[in-house]
N, C-alpha and C. Protein backbone atom coordinates (compact mmCIF):
# COMPACT_ATOMS: atom_id res chain seq x y z
N MET A 1 42.16 36.23 -15.38
CA MET A 1 41.67 34.88 -15.28
C MET A 1 42.65 34.01 -14.48
N LYS A 2 43.94 34.18 -14.76
CA LYS A 2 44.95 33.42 -14.03
C LYS A 2 44.96 33.79 -12.56
N ASN A 3 44.82 35.10 -12.32
CA ASN A 3 44.85 35.57 -10.93
C ASN A 3 43.68 34.98 -10.14
N SER A 4 42.52 34.96 -10.73
CA SER A 4 41.36 34.42 -10.00
C SER A 4 41.52 32.93 -9.74
N LEU A 5 42.08 32.20 -10.69
CA LEU A 5 42.35 30.79 -10.48
C LEU A 5 43.35 30.57 -9.36
N LEU A 6 44.40 31.40 -9.36
CA LEU A 6 45.42 31.28 -8.31
C LEU A 6 44.84 31.58 -6.93
N GLU A 7 44.00 32.61 -6.87
CA GLU A 7 43.38 32.97 -5.59
C GLU A 7 42.48 31.84 -5.08
N ARG A 8 41.70 31.28 -5.97
CA ARG A 8 40.80 30.19 -5.57
C ARG A 8 41.58 28.97 -5.09
N GLU A 9 42.69 28.67 -5.79
CA GLU A 9 43.48 27.52 -5.41
C GLU A 9 44.15 27.74 -4.06
N ALA A 10 44.64 28.95 -3.83
CA ALA A 10 45.28 29.26 -2.55
C ALA A 10 44.26 29.17 -1.42
N ALA A 11 43.06 29.67 -1.65
CA ALA A 11 42.01 29.61 -0.63
C ALA A 11 41.64 28.17 -0.33
N ALA A 12 41.59 27.34 -1.34
CA ALA A 12 41.25 25.93 -1.15
C ALA A 12 42.34 25.23 -0.36
N LYS A 13 43.61 25.56 -0.63
CA LYS A 13 44.72 24.94 0.11
C LYS A 13 44.69 25.37 1.57
N ASP A 14 44.38 26.65 1.81
CA ASP A 14 44.29 27.13 3.18
C ASP A 14 43.21 26.37 3.94
N LYS A 15 42.09 26.15 3.32
CA LYS A 15 40.99 25.42 3.97
C LYS A 15 41.39 23.98 4.25
N ASP A 16 42.10 23.36 3.32
CA ASP A 16 42.55 21.98 3.50
C ASP A 16 43.53 21.87 4.67
N ILE A 17 44.44 22.84 4.78
CA ILE A 17 45.45 22.81 5.86
C ILE A 17 44.75 23.01 7.20
N LEU A 18 43.79 23.93 7.25
CA LEU A 18 43.08 24.17 8.51
C LEU A 18 42.29 22.94 8.92
N LYS A 19 41.70 22.27 7.97
CA LYS A 19 40.93 21.06 8.28
C LYS A 19 41.85 19.95 8.78
N ALA A 20 43.04 19.88 8.22
CA ALA A 20 43.99 18.84 8.62
C ALA A 20 44.65 19.15 9.96
N GLY A 21 44.44 20.33 10.51
CA GLY A 21 45.00 20.69 11.81
C GLY A 21 46.30 21.45 11.70
N GLY A 22 46.70 21.82 10.51
CA GLY A 22 47.94 22.58 10.32
C GLY A 22 47.72 24.04 10.64
N VAL A 23 48.78 24.83 10.59
CA VAL A 23 48.71 26.25 10.89
C VAL A 23 48.73 27.02 9.58
N ALA A 24 48.06 28.17 9.54
CA ALA A 24 47.99 28.99 8.34
C ALA A 24 49.35 29.51 7.95
N SER A 25 50.25 29.69 8.91
CA SER A 25 51.59 30.22 8.59
C SER A 25 52.38 29.23 7.75
N SER A 26 52.15 27.93 7.94
CA SER A 26 52.85 26.95 7.14
C SER A 26 52.41 27.02 5.69
N SER A 27 51.16 27.38 5.47
CA SER A 27 50.70 27.52 4.10
C SER A 27 51.30 28.76 3.46
N ALA A 28 51.59 29.79 4.26
CA ALA A 28 52.19 31.00 3.72
C ALA A 28 53.61 30.74 3.29
N GLU A 29 54.32 29.89 4.03
CA GLU A 29 55.69 29.58 3.67
C GLU A 29 55.73 28.74 2.40
N ALA A 30 54.76 27.86 2.21
CA ALA A 30 54.75 27.00 1.05
C ALA A 30 54.16 27.68 -0.16
N GLU A 31 53.61 28.85 0.04
CA GLU A 31 52.91 29.53 -1.04
C GLU A 31 53.82 29.93 -2.19
N PRO A 32 55.01 30.44 -2.00
CA PRO A 32 55.82 30.84 -3.16
C PRO A 32 56.09 29.69 -4.10
N THR A 33 56.36 28.52 -3.60
CA THR A 33 56.61 27.41 -4.50
C THR A 33 55.33 26.99 -5.18
N SER A 34 54.22 27.00 -4.44
CA SER A 34 52.95 26.60 -5.04
C SER A 34 52.47 27.64 -6.04
N THR A 35 52.80 28.91 -5.79
CA THR A 35 52.39 29.96 -6.72
C THR A 35 53.12 29.78 -8.03
N ALA A 36 54.38 29.49 -7.98
CA ALA A 36 55.16 29.29 -9.20
C ALA A 36 54.62 28.08 -9.96
N PHE A 37 54.33 27.05 -9.17
CA PHE A 37 53.78 25.83 -9.80
C PHE A 37 52.42 26.12 -10.44
N MET A 38 51.61 26.93 -9.74
CA MET A 38 50.29 27.27 -10.28
C MET A 38 50.39 28.11 -11.52
N LEU A 39 51.37 29.02 -11.57
CA LEU A 39 51.55 29.85 -12.77
C LEU A 39 51.91 28.98 -13.97
N GLU A 40 52.80 28.03 -13.74
CA GLU A 40 53.18 27.14 -14.84
C GLU A 40 51.97 26.33 -15.32
N ASN A 41 51.21 25.83 -14.38
CA ASN A 41 50.01 25.05 -14.75
C ASN A 41 48.98 25.91 -15.45
N ALA A 42 48.84 27.16 -14.99
CA ALA A 42 47.87 28.06 -15.60
C ALA A 42 48.26 28.37 -17.05
N GLU A 43 49.59 28.55 -17.28
CA GLU A 43 50.05 28.83 -18.64
C GLU A 43 49.77 27.62 -19.54
N ARG A 44 50.00 26.42 -19.03
CA ARG A 44 49.71 25.22 -19.81
C ARG A 44 48.22 25.10 -20.09
N ASP A 45 47.46 25.40 -19.06
CA ASP A 45 46.01 25.33 -19.23
C ASP A 45 45.53 26.33 -20.25
N ALA A 46 46.11 27.53 -20.23
CA ALA A 46 45.72 28.57 -21.19
C ALA A 46 46.05 28.12 -22.60
N ASP A 47 47.18 27.45 -22.77
CA ASP A 47 47.55 26.95 -24.09
C ASP A 47 46.58 25.86 -24.54
N ASP A 48 46.16 25.04 -23.59
CA ASP A 48 45.24 23.95 -23.92
C ASP A 48 43.84 24.45 -24.22
N VAL A 49 43.48 25.58 -23.63
CA VAL A 49 42.12 26.10 -23.78
C VAL A 49 41.85 26.56 -25.19
N VAL A 50 42.82 27.15 -25.85
CA VAL A 50 42.60 27.73 -27.17
C VAL A 50 42.16 26.67 -28.18
N PRO A 51 42.82 25.51 -28.30
CA PRO A 51 42.33 24.52 -29.26
C PRO A 51 40.96 23.97 -28.87
N GLU A 52 40.68 23.91 -27.59
CA GLU A 52 39.38 23.38 -27.18
C GLU A 52 38.25 24.28 -27.63
N GLN A 53 38.49 25.58 -27.72
CA GLN A 53 37.44 26.49 -28.15
C GLN A 53 37.03 26.17 -29.59
N ASP A 54 37.98 25.80 -30.42
CA ASP A 54 37.64 25.43 -31.78
C ASP A 54 36.79 24.16 -31.79
N SER A 55 37.16 23.21 -30.95
CA SER A 55 36.39 21.98 -30.90
C SER A 55 35.01 22.23 -30.27
N ASP A 56 34.91 23.23 -29.40
CA ASP A 56 33.61 23.57 -28.83
C ASP A 56 32.67 24.08 -29.92
N ASP A 57 33.22 24.82 -30.86
CA ASP A 57 32.37 25.30 -31.96
C ASP A 57 31.84 24.12 -32.76
N ASP A 58 32.70 23.13 -33.01
CA ASP A 58 32.25 21.94 -33.74
C ASP A 58 31.21 21.16 -32.93
N SER A 59 31.51 21.03 -31.64
CA SER A 59 30.57 20.28 -30.81
C SER A 59 29.27 21.04 -30.63
N SER A 60 29.33 22.37 -30.63
CA SER A 60 28.08 23.12 -30.51
C SER A 60 27.24 22.95 -31.78
N ASP A 61 27.93 22.86 -32.94
CA ASP A 61 27.18 22.58 -34.17
C ASP A 61 26.56 21.20 -34.09
N ASP A 62 27.34 20.23 -33.57
CA ASP A 62 26.80 18.87 -33.40
C ASP A 62 25.64 18.88 -32.41
N ASP A 63 25.82 19.67 -31.34
CA ASP A 63 24.74 19.77 -30.34
C ASP A 63 23.48 20.37 -30.96
N ASP A 64 23.68 21.38 -31.82
CA ASP A 64 22.53 21.99 -32.49
C ASP A 64 21.84 20.98 -33.40
N ASP A 65 22.65 20.19 -34.12
CA ASP A 65 22.08 19.17 -35.00
C ASP A 65 21.32 18.11 -34.17
N GLU A 66 21.96 17.67 -33.08
CA GLU A 66 21.31 16.68 -32.22
C GLU A 66 20.03 17.24 -31.62
N THR A 67 20.08 18.50 -31.21
CA THR A 67 18.90 19.14 -30.64
C THR A 67 17.78 19.20 -31.68
N ALA A 68 18.14 19.57 -32.90
CA ALA A 68 17.14 19.64 -33.96
C ALA A 68 16.53 18.26 -34.21
N GLU A 69 17.39 17.23 -34.23
CA GLU A 69 16.88 15.87 -34.44
C GLU A 69 15.98 15.43 -33.30
N LEU A 70 16.38 15.77 -32.08
CA LEU A 70 15.55 15.42 -30.92
C LEU A 70 14.20 16.15 -30.95
N MET A 71 14.22 17.39 -31.39
CA MET A 71 12.97 18.15 -31.49
C MET A 71 12.05 17.53 -32.55
N LYS A 72 12.64 17.11 -33.68
CA LYS A 72 11.84 16.44 -34.72
C LYS A 72 11.24 15.14 -34.18
N GLU A 73 12.06 14.40 -33.45
CA GLU A 73 11.60 13.14 -32.86
C GLU A 73 10.48 13.40 -31.86
N LEU A 74 10.63 14.43 -31.07
CA LEU A 74 9.59 14.80 -30.09
C LEU A 74 8.29 15.18 -30.80
N GLU A 75 8.39 15.95 -31.85
CA GLU A 75 7.20 16.33 -32.62
C GLU A 75 6.52 15.10 -33.22
N ARG A 76 7.35 14.16 -33.73
CA ARG A 76 6.79 12.94 -34.31
C ARG A 76 6.06 12.12 -33.25
N ILE A 77 6.65 12.02 -32.07
CA ILE A 77 6.01 11.26 -30.99
C ILE A 77 4.71 11.92 -30.56
N LYS A 78 4.72 13.25 -30.45
CA LYS A 78 3.49 13.96 -30.09
C LYS A 78 2.40 13.74 -31.13
N LYS A 79 2.78 13.77 -32.40
CA LYS A 79 1.82 13.57 -33.48
C LYS A 79 1.24 12.16 -33.42
N GLU A 80 2.10 11.16 -33.17
CA GLU A 80 1.62 9.78 -33.06
C GLU A 80 0.65 9.63 -31.89
N ARG A 81 0.95 10.26 -30.77
CA ARG A 81 0.05 10.18 -29.61
C ARG A 81 -1.29 10.83 -29.90
N GLU A 82 -1.27 11.97 -30.59
CA GLU A 82 -2.53 12.63 -30.95
C GLU A 82 -3.36 11.75 -31.88
N GLU A 83 -2.69 11.14 -32.88
CA GLU A 83 -3.40 10.26 -33.80
C GLU A 83 -3.99 9.06 -33.05
N GLU A 84 -3.24 8.52 -32.11
CA GLU A 84 -3.71 7.38 -31.32
C GLU A 84 -4.92 7.79 -30.47
N ALA A 85 -4.86 8.98 -29.89
CA ALA A 85 -5.99 9.45 -29.08
C ALA A 85 -7.23 9.66 -29.95
N GLU A 86 -7.05 10.22 -31.14
CA GLU A 86 -8.18 10.41 -32.05
C GLU A 86 -8.77 9.07 -32.47
N ARG A 87 -7.90 8.11 -32.78
CA ARG A 87 -8.37 6.80 -33.19
C ARG A 87 -9.16 6.13 -32.07
N LYS A 88 -8.65 6.23 -30.84
CA LYS A 88 -9.37 5.65 -29.70
C LYS A 88 -10.72 6.32 -29.48
N ALA A 89 -10.76 7.64 -29.67
CA ALA A 89 -12.02 8.37 -29.50
C ALA A 89 -13.05 7.92 -30.54
N ILE A 90 -12.59 7.72 -31.78
CA ILE A 90 -13.50 7.27 -32.84
C ILE A 90 -14.00 5.86 -32.55
N GLU A 91 -13.09 4.98 -32.12
CA GLU A 91 -13.50 3.60 -31.79
C GLU A 91 -14.49 3.59 -30.63
N GLU A 92 -14.26 4.42 -29.63
CA GLU A 92 -15.16 4.49 -28.47
C GLU A 92 -16.54 5.00 -28.89
N ALA A 93 -16.57 5.99 -29.77
CA ALA A 93 -17.85 6.51 -30.25
C ALA A 93 -18.61 5.45 -31.05
N ALA A 94 -17.89 4.70 -31.89
CA ALA A 94 -18.53 3.65 -32.68
C ALA A 94 -19.06 2.54 -31.77
N ARG A 95 -18.29 2.18 -30.76
CA ARG A 95 -18.72 1.14 -29.82
C ARG A 95 -19.95 1.60 -29.03
N ALA A 96 -19.95 2.86 -28.60
CA ALA A 96 -21.10 3.39 -27.86
C ALA A 96 -22.35 3.42 -28.75
N GLU A 97 -22.19 3.76 -30.01
CA GLU A 97 -23.32 3.78 -30.94
C GLU A 97 -23.87 2.37 -31.15
N GLN A 98 -22.98 1.39 -31.29
CA GLN A 98 -23.40 0.00 -31.46
C GLN A 98 -24.15 -0.48 -30.22
N GLU A 99 -23.65 -0.17 -29.04
CA GLU A 99 -24.33 -0.57 -27.81
C GLU A 99 -25.71 0.07 -27.70
N ARG A 100 -25.81 1.33 -28.12
CA ARG A 100 -27.08 2.03 -28.07
C ARG A 100 -28.10 1.37 -29.01
N LYS A 101 -27.65 1.00 -30.21
CA LYS A 101 -28.56 0.33 -31.15
C LYS A 101 -29.01 -1.02 -30.62
N GLU A 102 -28.08 -1.78 -30.03
CA GLU A 102 -28.44 -3.09 -29.48
C GLU A 102 -29.43 -2.93 -28.32
N ALA A 103 -29.23 -1.92 -27.51
CA ALA A 103 -30.15 -1.68 -26.39
C ALA A 103 -31.55 -1.33 -26.90
N MET A 104 -31.60 -0.57 -27.98
CA MET A 104 -32.91 -0.22 -28.55
C MET A 104 -33.60 -1.47 -29.10
N LEU A 105 -32.84 -2.34 -29.76
CA LEU A 105 -33.43 -3.57 -30.30
C LEU A 105 -33.91 -4.48 -29.18
N ARG A 106 -33.12 -4.61 -28.12
CA ARG A 106 -33.52 -5.46 -27.01
C ARG A 106 -34.72 -4.89 -26.26
N GLY A 107 -34.84 -3.59 -26.23
CA GLY A 107 -35.91 -2.95 -25.47
C GLY A 107 -37.25 -2.95 -26.18
N ASN A 108 -37.28 -3.20 -27.48
CA ASN A 108 -38.53 -3.15 -28.24
C ASN A 108 -39.01 -4.57 -28.52
N PRO A 109 -40.06 -5.04 -27.84
CA PRO A 109 -40.54 -6.40 -28.06
C PRO A 109 -41.22 -6.57 -29.42
N LEU A 110 -41.63 -5.49 -30.07
CA LEU A 110 -42.27 -5.61 -31.37
C LEU A 110 -41.28 -6.00 -32.47
N LEU A 111 -40.01 -5.76 -32.20
CA LEU A 111 -38.98 -6.17 -33.16
C LEU A 111 -38.48 -7.56 -32.83
N GLY A 112 -39.30 -8.36 -32.19
CA GLY A 112 -38.93 -9.65 -31.65
C GLY A 112 -38.25 -10.57 -32.62
N GLY A 113 -38.67 -10.66 -33.87
CA GLY A 113 -38.10 -11.64 -34.80
C GLY A 113 -36.62 -11.45 -35.02
N ALA A 114 -36.25 -10.70 -36.02
CA ALA A 114 -34.84 -10.55 -36.39
C ALA A 114 -34.10 -9.68 -35.38
N GLY A 115 -34.75 -8.67 -34.86
CA GLY A 115 -34.09 -7.75 -33.93
C GLY A 115 -33.71 -8.42 -32.64
N ALA A 116 -34.60 -9.24 -32.10
CA ALA A 116 -34.32 -9.88 -30.82
C ALA A 116 -33.23 -10.94 -30.97
N VAL A 117 -33.26 -11.66 -32.08
CA VAL A 117 -32.23 -12.68 -32.28
C VAL A 117 -30.88 -12.01 -32.46
N ALA A 118 -30.84 -10.91 -33.22
CA ALA A 118 -29.58 -10.20 -33.42
C ALA A 118 -29.08 -9.60 -32.12
N ALA A 119 -29.97 -9.21 -31.25
CA ALA A 119 -29.57 -8.59 -29.99
C ALA A 119 -29.09 -9.60 -28.97
N GLY A 120 -29.28 -10.88 -29.23
CA GLY A 120 -28.71 -11.85 -28.32
C GLY A 120 -29.69 -12.78 -27.67
N GLY A 121 -30.84 -13.01 -28.24
CA GLY A 121 -31.75 -13.97 -27.64
C GLY A 121 -33.18 -13.70 -28.02
N ALA A 122 -34.06 -14.62 -27.66
CA ALA A 122 -35.48 -14.45 -27.96
C ALA A 122 -36.07 -13.52 -26.93
N MET A 123 -36.49 -12.37 -27.37
CA MET A 123 -37.06 -11.37 -26.47
C MET A 123 -38.56 -11.26 -26.73
N GLY A 124 -39.26 -12.38 -26.71
CA GLY A 124 -40.70 -12.36 -26.97
C GLY A 124 -41.47 -11.88 -25.76
N VAL A 125 -42.79 -11.76 -25.97
CA VAL A 125 -43.68 -11.37 -24.88
C VAL A 125 -43.78 -12.56 -23.92
N LYS A 126 -43.86 -12.28 -22.62
CA LYS A 126 -43.95 -13.38 -21.65
C LYS A 126 -45.22 -14.16 -21.89
N ARG A 127 -45.09 -15.49 -21.80
CA ARG A 127 -46.23 -16.36 -22.09
C ARG A 127 -46.63 -17.13 -20.84
N ARG A 128 -47.84 -17.57 -20.85
CA ARG A 128 -48.32 -18.39 -19.74
C ARG A 128 -47.77 -19.79 -19.87
N TRP A 129 -47.83 -20.56 -18.78
CA TRP A 129 -47.27 -21.89 -18.78
C TRP A 129 -48.07 -22.85 -19.66
N ASP A 130 -49.33 -22.51 -19.90
CA ASP A 130 -50.17 -23.43 -20.68
C ASP A 130 -50.46 -22.91 -22.09
N ASP A 131 -49.65 -21.99 -22.61
CA ASP A 131 -49.90 -21.46 -23.95
C ASP A 131 -49.68 -22.52 -25.03
N ASP A 132 -48.75 -23.42 -24.83
CA ASP A 132 -48.44 -24.41 -25.86
C ASP A 132 -49.16 -25.75 -25.65
N VAL A 133 -50.16 -25.78 -24.74
CA VAL A 133 -50.91 -27.02 -24.49
C VAL A 133 -51.91 -27.23 -25.62
N VAL A 134 -52.08 -28.48 -26.03
CA VAL A 134 -52.95 -28.79 -27.16
C VAL A 134 -54.43 -28.57 -26.81
N PHE A 135 -54.85 -29.07 -25.69
CA PHE A 135 -56.26 -28.99 -25.33
C PHE A 135 -56.53 -27.84 -24.39
N ARG A 136 -56.35 -26.67 -24.88
CA ARG A 136 -56.54 -25.50 -24.05
C ARG A 136 -57.91 -24.91 -24.35
N ASN A 137 -58.55 -24.37 -23.35
CA ASN A 137 -59.86 -23.72 -23.45
C ASN A 137 -60.93 -24.68 -23.99
N GLN A 138 -60.87 -25.91 -23.58
CA GLN A 138 -61.87 -26.88 -24.04
C GLN A 138 -63.18 -26.73 -23.27
N ALA A 139 -63.12 -26.23 -22.08
CA ALA A 139 -64.30 -26.17 -21.24
C ALA A 139 -65.05 -24.87 -21.38
N ARG A 140 -64.80 -24.10 -22.38
CA ARG A 140 -65.48 -22.81 -22.51
C ARG A 140 -66.98 -22.97 -22.79
N ASN A 141 -67.31 -23.91 -23.61
CA ASN A 141 -68.71 -24.03 -24.02
C ASN A 141 -69.53 -24.91 -23.09
N GLU A 142 -68.92 -25.53 -22.11
CA GLU A 142 -69.67 -26.35 -21.17
C GLU A 142 -70.55 -25.48 -20.30
N PRO A 143 -71.73 -25.93 -20.06
CA PRO A 143 -72.59 -25.12 -19.19
C PRO A 143 -72.12 -25.21 -17.73
N GLU A 144 -72.25 -24.14 -17.04
CA GLU A 144 -71.86 -24.13 -15.64
C GLU A 144 -72.93 -24.82 -14.82
N VAL A 145 -72.50 -25.54 -13.85
CA VAL A 145 -73.45 -26.20 -12.96
C VAL A 145 -73.86 -25.17 -11.92
N LYS A 146 -75.15 -24.88 -11.93
CA LYS A 146 -75.65 -23.90 -10.98
C LYS A 146 -75.87 -24.57 -9.64
N LYS A 147 -75.65 -23.81 -8.60
CA LYS A 147 -75.85 -24.35 -7.28
C LYS A 147 -77.36 -24.47 -7.02
N ARG A 148 -77.72 -25.67 -6.54
CA ARG A 148 -79.12 -25.89 -6.20
C ARG A 148 -79.28 -25.79 -4.70
N PHE A 149 -80.36 -25.30 -4.27
CA PHE A 149 -80.60 -25.27 -2.84
C PHE A 149 -81.49 -26.44 -2.47
N ILE A 150 -80.94 -27.31 -1.64
CA ILE A 150 -81.71 -28.44 -1.13
C ILE A 150 -81.66 -28.32 0.39
N ASN A 151 -82.80 -28.44 0.98
CA ASN A 151 -82.89 -28.23 2.41
C ASN A 151 -82.38 -29.42 3.19
N ASP A 152 -82.11 -30.53 2.56
CA ASP A 152 -81.61 -31.73 3.21
C ASP A 152 -80.08 -31.64 3.28
N THR A 153 -79.51 -31.74 4.48
CA THR A 153 -78.07 -31.58 4.64
C THR A 153 -77.27 -32.75 4.11
N ILE A 154 -77.90 -33.90 3.96
CA ILE A 154 -77.17 -35.05 3.47
C ILE A 154 -77.19 -35.08 1.94
N ARG A 155 -78.18 -34.55 1.30
CA ARG A 155 -78.29 -34.61 -0.15
C ARG A 155 -77.91 -33.30 -0.85
N ASN A 156 -77.53 -32.26 -0.15
CA ASN A 156 -77.20 -31.00 -0.84
C ASN A 156 -75.84 -31.10 -1.55
N ASP A 157 -75.54 -30.18 -2.41
CA ASP A 157 -74.34 -30.21 -3.27
C ASP A 157 -73.05 -30.13 -2.45
N PHE A 158 -73.05 -29.34 -1.43
CA PHE A 158 -71.84 -29.20 -0.63
C PHE A 158 -71.46 -30.52 0.02
N HIS A 159 -72.47 -31.22 0.56
CA HIS A 159 -72.20 -32.48 1.24
C HIS A 159 -71.71 -33.54 0.24
N LYS A 160 -72.30 -33.61 -0.93
CA LYS A 160 -71.86 -34.56 -1.96
C LYS A 160 -70.42 -34.26 -2.40
N LYS A 161 -70.10 -33.01 -2.57
CA LYS A 161 -68.75 -32.62 -2.98
C LYS A 161 -67.75 -32.95 -1.88
N PHE A 162 -68.14 -32.70 -0.65
CA PHE A 162 -67.28 -33.00 0.47
C PHE A 162 -66.99 -34.49 0.57
N LEU A 163 -68.01 -35.28 0.42
CA LEU A 163 -67.84 -36.73 0.49
C LEU A 163 -66.98 -37.23 -0.67
N ASN A 164 -67.18 -36.71 -1.86
CA ASN A 164 -66.35 -37.12 -3.00
C ASN A 164 -64.88 -36.73 -2.79
N LYS A 165 -64.68 -35.63 -2.20
CA LYS A 165 -63.31 -35.12 -2.04
C LYS A 165 -62.56 -35.83 -0.93
N TYR A 166 -63.20 -36.03 0.23
CA TYR A 166 -62.46 -36.51 1.40
C TYR A 166 -62.72 -37.96 1.77
N VAL A 167 -63.82 -38.51 1.38
CA VAL A 167 -64.13 -39.89 1.78
C VAL A 167 -63.62 -40.87 0.77
N LYS A 168 -63.71 -40.59 -0.48
CA LYS A 168 -63.30 -41.54 -1.50
C LYS A 168 -61.84 -41.62 -1.63
């Protein structure tokens, strides 16, 4: 493990020197001091790693607990969304049923009394303009005036009617 770290660090330093315009031979001369320094750092790092592994076990237990809590929360949210979707579906079905009943009441003129008022207005049969007139159909029993034929153009019915209409 130490060797691989040292190799990676040396390769990184070589790349840095080449990028900076230096020569690879200068990195070779500086390598013994850097290698010794890297070994010391690697030993310190190795000492530091051991206690961290114990704390990783604790943190992994915490991570497992947090993961479990997050999964429970996710399940709760999914359940709430499903319940909300079911509730909306039931409300939509009830609303559609109510609209269907109202449409049936509005469409049937025989249910005019209570049904038409409940549906939103008077849905009676269309009436003529003179249905509510007091003196309606008064002339039914009057005899019709039959047309008489008179050979005189001044005294015939058409001429009298014309004069009454346009002259008076």
